[in-house]
Amino acid sequence: ATVATHEERYLPVLEKQIKDKGTELIKLGLGKKYYGHIMKDKEMIEYLKDLNEDQIVVFVDGFDTLYLGTNEEIIEKFKRMDKKLVISIENVGYLRFIHSAIFNKVRGKFINTGLYIGYAGFMKNFLIKMYEYEHVEKSNQKTWSDFLFKNAWRHFDLSDIGLDVDNEIFLNYSFTVKDRYKFVGDRIIANGVKPAFIQG
């Protein structure tokens, strides 16, 4: 699933990549006015309400994400992690002092809410509970990191929430990170593993 008010940048490519792998990209928010990153979470809450609680859902930012893996690979990796929600991280390099001024670290890492995977029921409850607390309309990344740092323990067993620290499923790449990757065939190898999604 993704939230996209219109078609732009990598979205058509991502949709084709997902379709070619035999599944569907659910585009939430088409035609609506974008009012900040909180919209991504609000749209997801409504979408998740109609799903079976045990259904596995992947959220991706649609404008800047590519899908290089397979459905079977993602499910196998996710189940092996034995978590109910797994969030991508950013290995921030030389600009970490800026990130540190804005975001709380979660288990020593900066999370990135543009890529995550989990069971629909847990994901829905997580998002709903998070917005019972103070939040930032324009930055759901700050909202997530604040909730995980301060209040998530009040509602959830934190061992059910994982971070993809080894980039098994997700790789967030930009000029701010210290990760390096290379293409081998049609796959990216980063830090010795093959992430299924790359966002950058």
N, C-alpha and C. Protein backbone atom coordinates (compact mmCIF):
# COMPACT_ATOMS: atom_id res chain seq x y z
N ALA A 1 0.84 -1.19 0.00
CA ALA A 1 0.00 0.00 0.00
C ALA A 1 0.88 1.24 0.00
N THR A 2 0.35 2.30 -0.59
CA THR A 2 1.03 3.59 -0.56
C THR A 2 -0.03 4.67 -0.46
N VAL A 3 0.39 5.87 -0.11
CA VAL A 3 -0.50 7.03 -0.13
C VAL A 3 0.05 7.99 -1.18
N ALA A 4 -0.77 8.26 -2.19
CA ALA A 4 -0.36 9.13 -3.29
C ALA A 4 -1.59 9.87 -3.80
N THR A 5 -1.55 11.18 -3.74
CA THR A 5 -2.69 11.97 -4.20
C THR A 5 -2.74 12.06 -5.72
N HIS A 6 -1.62 11.74 -6.39
CA HIS A 6 -1.55 11.83 -7.84
C HIS A 6 -0.39 10.94 -8.32
N GLU A 7 -0.30 10.77 -9.62
CA GLU A 7 0.76 9.97 -10.23
C GLU A 7 2.00 10.85 -10.44
N GLU A 8 3.15 10.40 -9.98
CA GLU A 8 4.36 11.20 -10.11
C GLU A 8 5.59 10.31 -9.95
N ARG A 9 6.71 10.73 -10.52
CA ARG A 9 8.03 10.14 -10.31
C ARG A 9 8.01 8.61 -10.47
N TYR A 10 8.43 7.86 -9.42
CA TYR A 10 8.58 6.41 -9.57
C TYR A 10 7.27 5.64 -9.42
N LEU A 11 6.18 6.31 -9.10
CA LEU A 11 4.95 5.58 -8.79
C LEU A 11 4.50 4.62 -9.90
N PRO A 12 4.46 5.04 -11.18
CA PRO A 12 4.07 4.09 -12.23
C PRO A 12 5.04 2.90 -12.34
N VAL A 13 6.33 3.16 -12.13
CA VAL A 13 7.32 2.09 -12.20
C VAL A 13 7.11 1.10 -11.05
N LEU A 14 6.93 1.63 -9.84
CA LEU A 14 6.68 0.79 -8.68
C LEU A 14 5.44 -0.06 -8.87
N GLU A 15 4.39 0.56 -9.38
CA GLU A 15 3.13 -0.18 -9.60
C GLU A 15 3.34 -1.32 -10.59
N LYS A 16 4.09 -1.07 -11.66
CA LYS A 16 4.37 -2.12 -12.64
C LYS A 16 5.23 -3.22 -12.03
N GLN A 17 6.25 -2.84 -11.26
CA GLN A 17 7.11 -3.84 -10.62
C GLN A 17 6.28 -4.77 -9.72
N ILE A 18 5.38 -4.19 -8.94
CA ILE A 18 4.55 -4.98 -8.03
C ILE A 18 3.59 -5.86 -8.82
N LYS A 19 2.98 -5.31 -9.86
CA LYS A 19 2.06 -6.08 -10.69
C LYS A 19 2.78 -7.24 -11.37
N ASP A 20 4.01 -7.00 -11.83
CA ASP A 20 4.78 -8.05 -12.49
C ASP A 20 5.12 -9.20 -11.54
N LYS A 21 5.12 -8.90 -10.23
CA LYS A 21 5.38 -9.95 -9.23
C LYS A 21 4.10 -10.65 -8.78
N GLY A 22 2.97 -10.29 -9.39
CA GLY A 22 1.74 -11.01 -9.13
C GLY A 22 0.87 -10.48 -8.01
N THR A 23 1.09 -9.23 -7.63
CA THR A 23 0.23 -8.65 -6.59
C THR A 23 -0.14 -7.23 -7.02
N GLU A 24 -0.74 -6.47 -6.10
CA GLU A 24 -1.30 -5.18 -6.46
C GLU A 24 -0.83 -4.09 -5.50
N LEU A 25 -0.54 -2.92 -6.05
CA LEU A 25 -0.24 -1.76 -5.23
C LEU A 25 -1.54 -1.04 -4.93
N ILE A 26 -1.90 -0.95 -3.67
CA ILE A 26 -3.10 -0.22 -3.26
C ILE A 26 -2.71 1.24 -3.10
N LYS A 27 -3.33 2.12 -3.91
CA LYS A 27 -3.01 3.55 -3.87
C LYS A 27 -4.12 4.27 -3.10
N LEU A 28 -3.75 4.75 -1.93
CA LEU A 28 -4.70 5.46 -1.07
C LEU A 28 -4.54 6.96 -1.26
N GLY A 29 -5.65 7.69 -1.20
CA GLY A 29 -5.60 9.15 -1.23
C GLY A 29 -5.61 9.78 -2.60
N LEU A 30 -5.79 8.99 -3.67
CA LEU A 30 -5.79 9.56 -5.02
C LEU A 30 -6.88 10.62 -5.15
N GLY A 31 -6.50 11.76 -5.71
CA GLY A 31 -7.45 12.84 -5.93
C GLY A 31 -7.69 13.74 -4.73
N LYS A 32 -7.14 13.39 -3.59
CA LYS A 32 -7.32 14.20 -2.39
C LYS A 32 -6.21 15.23 -2.27
N LYS A 33 -6.43 16.22 -1.41
CA LYS A 33 -5.40 17.23 -1.14
C LYS A 33 -4.47 16.71 -0.05
N TYR A 34 -3.19 16.77 -0.30
CA TYR A 34 -2.21 16.30 0.68
C TYR A 34 -2.04 17.35 1.76
N TYR A 35 -2.18 16.95 3.02
CA TYR A 35 -2.13 17.93 4.11
C TYR A 35 -1.03 17.63 5.12
N GLY A 36 -0.04 16.89 4.70
CA GLY A 36 1.08 16.57 5.59
C GLY A 36 1.23 15.08 5.76
N HIS A 37 2.37 14.68 6.30
CA HIS A 37 2.67 13.25 6.40
C HIS A 37 1.72 12.49 7.32
N ILE A 38 1.01 13.21 8.19
CA ILE A 38 0.00 12.55 9.01
C ILE A 38 -1.05 11.86 8.12
N MET A 39 -1.25 12.40 6.93
CA MET A 39 -2.23 11.83 6.01
C MET A 39 -1.91 10.38 5.68
N LYS A 40 -0.61 10.06 5.58
CA LYS A 40 -0.24 8.68 5.26
C LYS A 40 -0.75 7.72 6.33
N ASP A 41 -0.61 8.11 7.58
CA ASP A 41 -1.06 7.25 8.67
C ASP A 41 -2.57 7.19 8.77
N LYS A 42 -3.25 8.33 8.56
CA LYS A 42 -4.71 8.36 8.65
C LYS A 42 -5.34 7.52 7.54
N GLU A 43 -4.79 7.62 6.34
CA GLU A 43 -5.29 6.80 5.22
C GLU A 43 -5.05 5.31 5.50
N MET A 44 -3.90 5.00 6.06
CA MET A 44 -3.61 3.60 6.38
C MET A 44 -4.55 3.05 7.44
N ILE A 45 -4.87 3.83 8.45
CA ILE A 45 -5.79 3.37 9.50
C ILE A 45 -7.12 2.96 8.87
N GLU A 46 -7.65 3.80 8.00
CA GLU A 46 -8.94 3.48 7.37
C GLU A 46 -8.83 2.24 6.49
N TYR A 47 -7.74 2.12 5.75
CA TYR A 47 -7.54 0.95 4.89
C TYR A 47 -7.43 -0.33 5.71
N LEU A 48 -6.70 -0.28 6.79
CA LEU A 48 -6.45 -1.47 7.62
C LEU A 48 -7.70 -1.98 8.32
N LYS A 49 -8.66 -1.09 8.56
CA LYS A 49 -9.89 -1.49 9.25
C LYS A 49 -10.65 -2.57 8.50
N ASP A 50 -10.50 -2.62 7.19
CA ASP A 50 -11.26 -3.58 6.38
C ASP A 50 -10.50 -4.87 6.10
N LEU A 51 -9.30 -5.02 6.64
CA LEU A 51 -8.49 -6.20 6.35
C LEU A 51 -8.57 -7.22 7.47
N ASN A 52 -8.31 -8.47 7.12
CA ASN A 52 -8.14 -9.52 8.12
C ASN A 52 -6.95 -9.15 8.98
N GLU A 53 -7.09 -9.31 10.30
CA GLU A 53 -6.03 -8.88 11.22
C GLU A 53 -4.70 -9.58 11.00
N ASP A 54 -4.74 -10.79 10.44
CA ASP A 54 -3.51 -11.55 10.22
C ASP A 54 -2.90 -11.32 8.84
N GLN A 55 -3.51 -10.47 8.05
CA GLN A 55 -2.97 -10.20 6.71
C GLN A 55 -1.68 -9.40 6.84
N ILE A 56 -0.68 -9.76 6.06
CA ILE A 56 0.60 -9.05 6.07
C ILE A 56 0.53 -7.90 5.06
N VAL A 57 0.87 -6.71 5.53
CA VAL A 57 0.79 -5.51 4.70
C VAL A 57 2.16 -4.83 4.67
N VAL A 58 2.56 -4.39 3.49
CA VAL A 58 3.78 -3.60 3.34
C VAL A 58 3.36 -2.19 2.96
N PHE A 59 3.86 -1.20 3.70
CA PHE A 59 3.66 0.20 3.31
C PHE A 59 4.93 0.72 2.68
N VAL A 60 4.78 1.43 1.55
CA VAL A 60 5.93 2.04 0.88
C VAL A 60 5.57 3.46 0.46
N ASP A 61 6.53 4.36 0.53
CA ASP A 61 6.35 5.68 -0.08
C ASP A 61 6.40 5.49 -1.59
N GLY A 62 5.35 5.89 -2.28
CA GLY A 62 5.21 5.55 -3.69
C GLY A 62 6.04 6.34 -4.66
N PHE A 63 6.41 7.56 -4.30
CA PHE A 63 7.09 8.41 -5.27
C PHE A 63 8.58 8.11 -5.41
N ASP A 64 9.18 7.47 -4.41
CA ASP A 64 10.64 7.31 -4.45
C ASP A 64 11.10 5.92 -4.02
N THR A 65 10.26 4.90 -4.29
CA THR A 65 10.59 3.53 -3.90
C THR A 65 10.56 2.61 -5.12
N LEU A 66 11.50 1.67 -5.16
CA LEU A 66 11.51 0.63 -6.19
C LEU A 66 11.45 -0.73 -5.50
N TYR A 67 10.80 -1.70 -6.17
CA TYR A 67 10.60 -3.04 -5.64
C TYR A 67 11.45 -4.02 -6.44
N LEU A 68 12.48 -4.57 -5.80
CA LEU A 68 13.43 -5.43 -6.50
C LEU A 68 13.36 -6.88 -6.06
N GLY A 69 12.57 -7.16 -5.02
CA GLY A 69 12.52 -8.51 -4.47
C GLY A 69 11.36 -9.32 -5.03
N THR A 70 10.97 -10.34 -4.28
CA THR A 70 9.81 -11.16 -4.63
C THR A 70 8.89 -11.23 -3.43
N ASN A 71 7.63 -11.53 -3.69
CA ASN A 71 6.65 -11.63 -2.60
C ASN A 71 7.05 -12.72 -1.61
N GLU A 72 7.46 -13.85 -2.13
CA GLU A 72 7.83 -14.98 -1.28
C GLU A 72 9.02 -14.62 -0.38
N GLU A 73 9.97 -13.91 -0.94
CA GLU A 73 11.16 -13.49 -0.20
C GLU A 73 10.78 -12.58 0.97
N ILE A 74 9.91 -11.62 0.69
CA ILE A 74 9.50 -10.67 1.73
C ILE A 74 8.79 -11.39 2.87
N ILE A 75 7.86 -12.27 2.53
CA ILE A 75 7.12 -13.00 3.56
C ILE A 75 8.06 -13.86 4.39
N GLU A 76 9.00 -14.54 3.72
CA GLU A 76 9.94 -15.41 4.43
C GLU A 76 10.81 -14.59 5.38
N LYS A 77 11.33 -13.47 4.91
CA LYS A 77 12.19 -12.63 5.75
C LYS A 77 11.41 -12.05 6.92
N PHE A 78 10.20 -11.58 6.66
CA PHE A 78 9.38 -10.99 7.72
C PHE A 78 9.05 -12.03 8.78
N LYS A 79 8.62 -13.21 8.38
CA LYS A 79 8.27 -14.24 9.35
C LYS A 79 9.49 -14.69 10.15
N ARG A 80 10.64 -14.72 9.50
CA ARG A 80 11.87 -15.11 10.21
C ARG A 80 12.22 -14.10 11.31
N MET A 81 11.88 -12.83 11.10
CA MET A 81 12.14 -11.81 12.11
C MET A 81 11.26 -11.99 13.35
N ASP A 82 10.13 -12.69 13.20
CA ASP A 82 9.24 -13.02 14.30
C ASP A 82 8.77 -11.76 15.04
N LYS A 83 8.34 -10.76 14.28
CA LYS A 83 7.79 -9.52 14.82
C LYS A 83 6.40 -9.29 14.25
N LYS A 84 5.66 -8.37 14.88
CA LYS A 84 4.34 -8.02 14.36
C LYS A 84 4.39 -6.75 13.51
N LEU A 85 5.47 -5.99 13.67
CA LEU A 85 5.69 -4.78 12.89
C LEU A 85 7.19 -4.60 12.75
N VAL A 86 7.65 -4.37 11.53
CA VAL A 86 9.08 -4.12 11.28
C VAL A 86 9.20 -2.80 10.51
N ILE A 87 10.02 -1.90 11.04
CA ILE A 87 10.17 -0.56 10.49
C ILE A 87 11.56 -0.41 9.89
N SER A 88 11.64 0.28 8.77
CA SER A 88 12.94 0.52 8.15
C SER A 88 13.72 1.58 8.93
N ILE A 89 15.01 1.59 8.70
CA ILE A 89 15.88 2.55 9.39
C ILE A 89 16.72 3.32 8.38
N GLU A 90 17.30 4.41 8.84
CA GLU A 90 18.26 5.18 8.06
C GLU A 90 19.59 5.18 8.78
N ASN A 91 20.61 4.68 8.13
CA ASN A 91 21.96 4.72 8.70
C ASN A 91 22.58 6.09 8.42
N VAL A 92 22.09 7.08 9.14
CA VAL A 92 22.50 8.47 8.88
C VAL A 92 23.99 8.63 9.17
N GLY A 93 24.66 9.30 8.26
CA GLY A 93 26.09 9.50 8.40
C GLY A 93 26.43 10.87 8.93
N TYR A 94 27.02 11.70 8.08
CA TYR A 94 27.59 12.96 8.56
C TYR A 94 26.56 14.01 8.94
N LEU A 95 25.28 13.83 8.62
CA LEU A 95 24.25 14.78 9.04
C LEU A 95 23.47 14.30 10.26
N ARG A 96 24.05 13.35 10.99
CA ARG A 96 23.31 12.81 12.13
C ARG A 96 23.04 13.85 13.21
N PHE A 97 23.87 14.89 13.27
CA PHE A 97 23.63 15.93 14.28
C PHE A 97 22.32 16.66 13.99
N ILE A 98 21.95 16.80 12.71
CA ILE A 98 20.67 17.43 12.36
C ILE A 98 19.53 16.50 12.73
N HIS A 99 19.65 15.21 12.37
CA HIS A 99 18.62 14.24 12.73
C HIS A 99 18.44 14.19 14.25
N SER A 100 19.54 14.21 14.97
CA SER A 100 19.47 14.11 16.43
C SER A 100 18.74 15.29 17.05
N ALA A 101 18.79 16.42 16.38
CA ALA A 101 18.11 17.61 16.89
C ALA A 101 16.60 17.55 16.67
N ILE A 102 16.17 16.69 15.74
CA ILE A 102 14.75 16.64 15.38
C ILE A 102 14.08 15.36 15.87
N PHE A 103 14.75 14.21 15.69
CA PHE A 103 14.12 12.92 15.94
C PHE A 103 14.73 12.21 17.15
N ASN A 104 13.87 11.50 17.87
CA ASN A 104 14.36 10.58 18.89
C ASN A 104 14.89 9.33 18.20
N LYS A 105 15.99 8.80 18.70
CA LYS A 105 16.46 7.51 18.20
C LYS A 105 15.62 6.40 18.81
N VAL A 106 15.45 5.34 18.07
CA VAL A 106 14.74 4.15 18.55
C VAL A 106 15.76 3.01 18.57
N ARG A 107 16.08 2.54 19.76
CA ARG A 107 17.11 1.51 19.93
C ARG A 107 18.41 1.89 19.22
N GLY A 108 18.75 3.15 19.32
CA GLY A 108 20.01 3.63 18.77
C GLY A 108 19.98 3.91 17.28
N LYS A 109 18.80 3.83 16.65
CA LYS A 109 18.69 4.02 15.20
C LYS A 109 17.67 5.10 14.88
N PHE A 110 17.85 5.72 13.72
CA PHE A 110 16.84 6.62 13.19
C PHE A 110 15.90 5.81 12.31
N ILE A 111 14.61 5.81 12.64
CA ILE A 111 13.66 5.06 11.83
C ILE A 111 13.28 5.88 10.60
N ASN A 112 12.73 5.19 9.60
CA ASN A 112 12.18 5.85 8.43
C ASN A 112 10.80 5.26 8.18
N THR A 113 9.78 6.09 8.28
CA THR A 113 8.40 5.61 8.19
C THR A 113 7.90 5.48 6.74
N GLY A 114 8.81 5.62 5.80
CA GLY A 114 8.43 5.45 4.40
C GLY A 114 8.40 3.99 3.96
N LEU A 115 8.89 3.09 4.81
CA LEU A 115 8.90 1.66 4.49
C LEU A 115 8.68 0.88 5.79
N TYR A 116 7.62 0.09 5.84
CA TYR A 116 7.40 -0.79 6.98
C TYR A 116 6.48 -1.94 6.59
N ILE A 117 6.50 -3.00 7.40
CA ILE A 117 5.73 -4.21 7.12
C ILE A 117 5.19 -4.74 8.44
N GLY A 118 4.00 -5.32 8.39
CA GLY A 118 3.45 -5.88 9.61
C GLY A 118 2.11 -6.54 9.39
N TYR A 119 1.57 -7.07 10.48
CA TYR A 119 0.24 -7.65 10.45
C TYR A 119 -0.79 -6.53 10.57
N ALA A 120 -1.83 -6.61 9.76
CA ALA A 120 -2.80 -5.52 9.64
C ALA A 120 -3.40 -5.12 10.98
N GLY A 121 -3.78 -6.08 11.80
CA GLY A 121 -4.40 -5.77 13.08
C GLY A 121 -3.48 -5.02 14.02
N PHE A 122 -2.25 -5.50 14.12
CA PHE A 122 -1.26 -4.85 15.00
C PHE A 122 -0.94 -3.46 14.47
N MET A 123 -0.74 -3.35 13.17
CA MET A 123 -0.40 -2.08 12.54
C MET A 123 -1.51 -1.05 12.79
N LYS A 124 -2.75 -1.47 12.61
CA LYS A 124 -3.89 -0.56 12.84
C LYS A 124 -3.92 -0.08 14.29
N ASN A 125 -3.79 -1.00 15.23
CA ASN A 125 -3.82 -0.63 16.66
C ASN A 125 -2.66 0.29 17.02
N PHE A 126 -1.49 0.02 16.45
CA PHE A 126 -0.31 0.85 16.68
C PHE A 126 -0.58 2.29 16.23
N LEU A 127 -1.08 2.44 15.01
CA LEU A 127 -1.32 3.77 14.47
C LEU A 127 -2.40 4.52 15.25
N ILE A 128 -3.46 3.82 15.62
CA ILE A 128 -4.53 4.45 16.38
C ILE A 128 -4.03 4.93 17.74
N LYS A 129 -3.32 4.06 18.45
CA LYS A 129 -2.81 4.44 19.78
C LYS A 129 -1.83 5.60 19.69
N MET A 130 -1.01 5.59 18.66
CA MET A 130 0.01 6.64 18.51
C MET A 130 -0.64 8.02 18.43
N TYR A 131 -1.78 8.11 17.73
CA TYR A 131 -2.41 9.41 17.55
C TYR A 131 -3.30 9.81 18.73
N GLU A 132 -3.28 9.03 19.79
CA GLU A 132 -3.90 9.46 21.04
C GLU A 132 -2.96 10.39 21.81
N TYR A 133 -1.71 10.46 21.36
CA TYR A 133 -0.71 11.30 21.99
C TYR A 133 -0.42 12.52 21.11
N GLU A 134 0.35 13.44 21.66
CA GLU A 134 0.75 14.62 20.90
C GLU A 134 1.49 14.17 19.64
N HIS A 135 1.16 14.81 18.54
CA HIS A 135 1.78 14.41 17.28
C HIS A 135 2.06 15.64 16.42
N VAL A 136 2.82 15.41 15.35
CA VAL A 136 3.25 16.49 14.46
C VAL A 136 2.57 16.27 13.11
N GLU A 137 1.75 17.22 12.69
CA GLU A 137 0.98 17.07 11.45
C GLU A 137 1.87 16.86 10.23
N LYS A 138 2.99 17.57 10.18
CA LYS A 138 3.83 17.55 8.97
C LYS A 138 4.87 16.44 8.98
N SER A 139 5.10 15.80 10.10
CA SER A 139 6.17 14.80 10.16
C SER A 139 5.71 13.56 10.92
N ASN A 140 5.24 12.58 10.19
CA ASN A 140 4.86 11.35 10.90
C ASN A 140 6.12 10.62 11.38
N GLN A 141 7.27 10.92 10.79
CA GLN A 141 8.51 10.29 11.26
C GLN A 141 8.84 10.75 12.69
N LYS A 142 8.62 12.03 12.96
CA LYS A 142 8.82 12.52 14.32
C LYS A 142 7.76 11.94 15.25
N THR A 143 6.53 11.87 14.76
CA THR A 143 5.44 11.30 15.57
C THR A 143 5.76 9.86 15.94
N TRP A 144 6.19 9.06 14.98
CA TRP A 144 6.53 7.65 15.24
C TRP A 144 7.69 7.55 16.22
N SER A 145 8.76 8.32 15.97
CA SER A 145 9.93 8.19 16.84
C SER A 145 9.62 8.65 18.25
N ASP A 146 8.81 9.69 18.40
CA ASP A 146 8.41 10.15 19.74
C ASP A 146 7.58 9.08 20.45
N PHE A 147 6.63 8.49 19.73
CA PHE A 147 5.76 7.48 20.33
C PHE A 147 6.56 6.25 20.75
N LEU A 148 7.43 5.79 19.88
CA LEU A 148 8.24 4.61 20.20
C LEU A 148 9.20 4.89 21.34
N PHE A 149 9.70 6.11 21.42
CA PHE A 149 10.66 6.48 22.45
C PHE A 149 9.98 6.68 23.81
N LYS A 150 8.76 7.24 23.80
CA LYS A 150 8.14 7.66 25.05
C LYS A 150 6.97 6.80 25.53
N ASN A 151 6.09 6.38 24.61
CA ASN A 151 4.79 5.86 25.05
C ASN A 151 4.37 4.50 24.53
N ALA A 152 5.04 3.97 23.53
CA ALA A 152 4.59 2.70 22.94
C ALA A 152 4.56 1.58 23.98
N TRP A 153 5.48 1.61 24.92
CA TRP A 153 5.57 0.55 25.95
C TRP A 153 4.32 0.47 26.81
N ARG A 154 3.54 1.56 26.86
CA ARG A 154 2.32 1.56 27.66
C ARG A 154 1.23 0.69 27.04
N HIS A 155 1.35 0.41 25.74
CA HIS A 155 0.28 -0.28 25.01
C HIS A 155 0.72 -1.58 24.34
N PHE A 156 2.01 -1.73 24.10
CA PHE A 156 2.48 -2.87 23.31
C PHE A 156 3.69 -3.51 23.97
N ASP A 157 3.83 -4.81 23.71
CA ASP A 157 5.06 -5.50 24.05
C ASP A 157 6.09 -5.07 23.01
N LEU A 158 7.09 -4.33 23.41
CA LEU A 158 8.03 -3.76 22.45
C LEU A 158 8.84 -4.82 21.71
N SER A 159 8.85 -6.04 22.23
CA SER A 159 9.55 -7.11 21.52
C SER A 159 8.79 -7.51 20.24
N ASP A 160 7.54 -7.06 20.10
CA ASP A 160 6.77 -7.33 18.89
C ASP A 160 7.11 -6.36 17.76
N ILE A 161 7.87 -5.30 18.08
CA ILE A 161 8.20 -4.27 17.10
C ILE A 161 9.69 -4.37 16.77
N GLY A 162 9.99 -4.58 15.50
CA GLY A 162 11.38 -4.74 15.09
C GLY A 162 11.85 -3.63 14.17
N LEU A 163 13.15 -3.48 14.09
CA LEU A 163 13.78 -2.55 13.16
C LEU A 163 14.59 -3.37 12.16
N ASP A 164 14.49 -3.03 10.90
CA ASP A 164 15.22 -3.76 9.86
C ASP A 164 16.66 -3.22 9.78
N VAL A 165 17.40 -3.47 10.85
CA VAL A 165 18.75 -2.89 10.97
C VAL A 165 19.74 -3.47 9.96
N ASP A 166 19.47 -4.66 9.46
CA ASP A 166 20.38 -5.29 8.50
C ASP A 166 19.94 -5.10 7.06
N ASN A 167 18.91 -4.27 6.84
CA ASN A 167 18.41 -4.01 5.49
C ASN A 167 17.98 -5.27 4.76
N GLU A 168 17.44 -6.22 5.50
CA GLU A 168 16.97 -7.47 4.88
C GLU A 168 15.84 -7.22 3.89
N ILE A 169 14.92 -6.32 4.26
CA ILE A 169 13.76 -6.03 3.41
C ILE A 169 13.86 -4.64 2.80
N PHE A 170 14.29 -3.67 3.61
CA PHE A 170 14.25 -2.27 3.20
C PHE A 170 15.63 -1.61 3.23
N LEU A 171 15.88 -0.78 2.23
CA LEU A 171 17.08 0.06 2.24
C LEU A 171 16.66 1.49 1.93
N ASN A 172 16.91 2.40 2.87
CA ASN A 172 16.72 3.83 2.65
C ASN A 172 18.07 4.42 2.26
N TYR A 173 18.10 5.01 1.08
CA TYR A 173 19.37 5.50 0.58
C TYR A 173 19.25 6.97 0.18
N SER A 174 20.19 7.78 0.64
CA SER A 174 20.28 9.18 0.22
C SER A 174 21.71 9.65 0.49
N PHE A 175 21.97 10.90 0.16
CA PHE A 175 23.32 11.43 0.37
C PHE A 175 23.66 11.54 1.86
N THR A 176 22.65 11.41 2.73
CA THR A 176 22.91 11.56 4.16
C THR A 176 23.34 10.26 4.83
N VAL A 177 23.20 9.12 4.15
CA VAL A 177 23.46 7.85 4.81
C VAL A 177 24.87 7.34 4.51
N LYS A 178 25.33 6.42 5.36
CA LYS A 178 26.67 5.87 5.19
C LYS A 178 26.66 4.52 4.48
N ASP A 179 25.47 4.00 4.12
CA ASP A 179 25.38 2.73 3.40
C ASP A 179 25.99 2.86 2.01
N ARG A 180 26.50 1.76 1.50
CA ARG A 180 26.95 1.69 0.12
C ARG A 180 26.31 0.47 -0.51
N TYR A 181 25.98 0.58 -1.79
CA TYR A 181 25.36 -0.56 -2.46
C TYR A 181 25.93 -0.70 -3.86
N LYS A 182 25.68 -1.89 -4.44
CA LYS A 182 26.07 -2.12 -5.83
C LYS A 182 25.00 -2.99 -6.47
N PHE A 183 24.90 -2.89 -7.79
CA PHE A 183 23.98 -3.74 -8.53
C PHE A 183 24.69 -5.03 -8.93
N VAL A 184 24.01 -6.15 -8.71
CA VAL A 184 24.45 -7.44 -9.21
C VAL A 184 23.26 -8.03 -9.95
N GLY A 185 23.33 -8.04 -11.26
CA GLY A 185 22.17 -8.43 -12.06
C GLY A 185 21.09 -7.38 -11.86
N ASP A 186 19.89 -7.84 -11.52
CA ASP A 186 18.78 -6.90 -11.33
C ASP A 186 18.51 -6.63 -9.85
N ARG A 187 19.48 -6.97 -8.99
CA ARG A 187 19.31 -6.76 -7.55
C ARG A 187 20.40 -5.86 -6.99
N ILE A 188 20.05 -5.19 -5.92
CA ILE A 188 21.00 -4.38 -5.18
C ILE A 188 21.54 -5.19 -4.02
N ILE A 189 22.84 -5.12 -3.81
CA ILE A 189 23.44 -5.70 -2.61
C ILE A 189 23.96 -4.56 -1.76
N ALA A 190 23.52 -4.51 -0.52
CA ALA A 190 23.94 -3.46 0.41
C ALA A 190 24.30 -4.12 1.73
N ASN A 191 25.46 -3.84 2.24
CA ASN A 191 25.89 -4.41 3.51
C ASN A 191 25.83 -5.94 3.51
N GLY A 192 26.06 -6.53 2.33
CA GLY A 192 26.11 -7.99 2.22
C GLY A 192 24.76 -8.67 2.07
N VAL A 193 23.65 -7.91 2.01
CA VAL A 193 22.32 -8.51 1.85
C VAL A 193 21.62 -7.89 0.65
N LYS A 194 20.51 -8.53 0.26
CA LYS A 194 19.72 -8.05 -0.88
C LYS A 194 18.39 -7.50 -0.37
N PRO A 195 18.28 -6.20 -0.13
CA PRO A 195 16.98 -5.64 0.26
C PRO A 195 15.98 -5.78 -0.86
N ALA A 196 14.72 -5.95 -0.49
CA ALA A 196 13.66 -6.11 -1.49
C ALA A 196 13.15 -4.77 -2.01
N PHE A 197 13.23 -3.74 -1.16
CA PHE A 197 12.81 -2.40 -1.55
C PHE A 197 13.97 -1.43 -1.32
N ILE A 198 14.09 -0.46 -2.23
CA ILE A 198 15.02 0.65 -2.01
C ILE A 198 14.25 1.95 -2.16
N GLN A 199 14.44 2.83 -1.19
CA GLN A 199 13.83 4.15 -1.23
C GLN A 199 14.93 5.19 -1.23
N GLY A 200 14.81 6.18 -2.10
CA GLY A 200 15.86 7.19 -2.12
C GLY A 200 15.48 8.42 -2.91
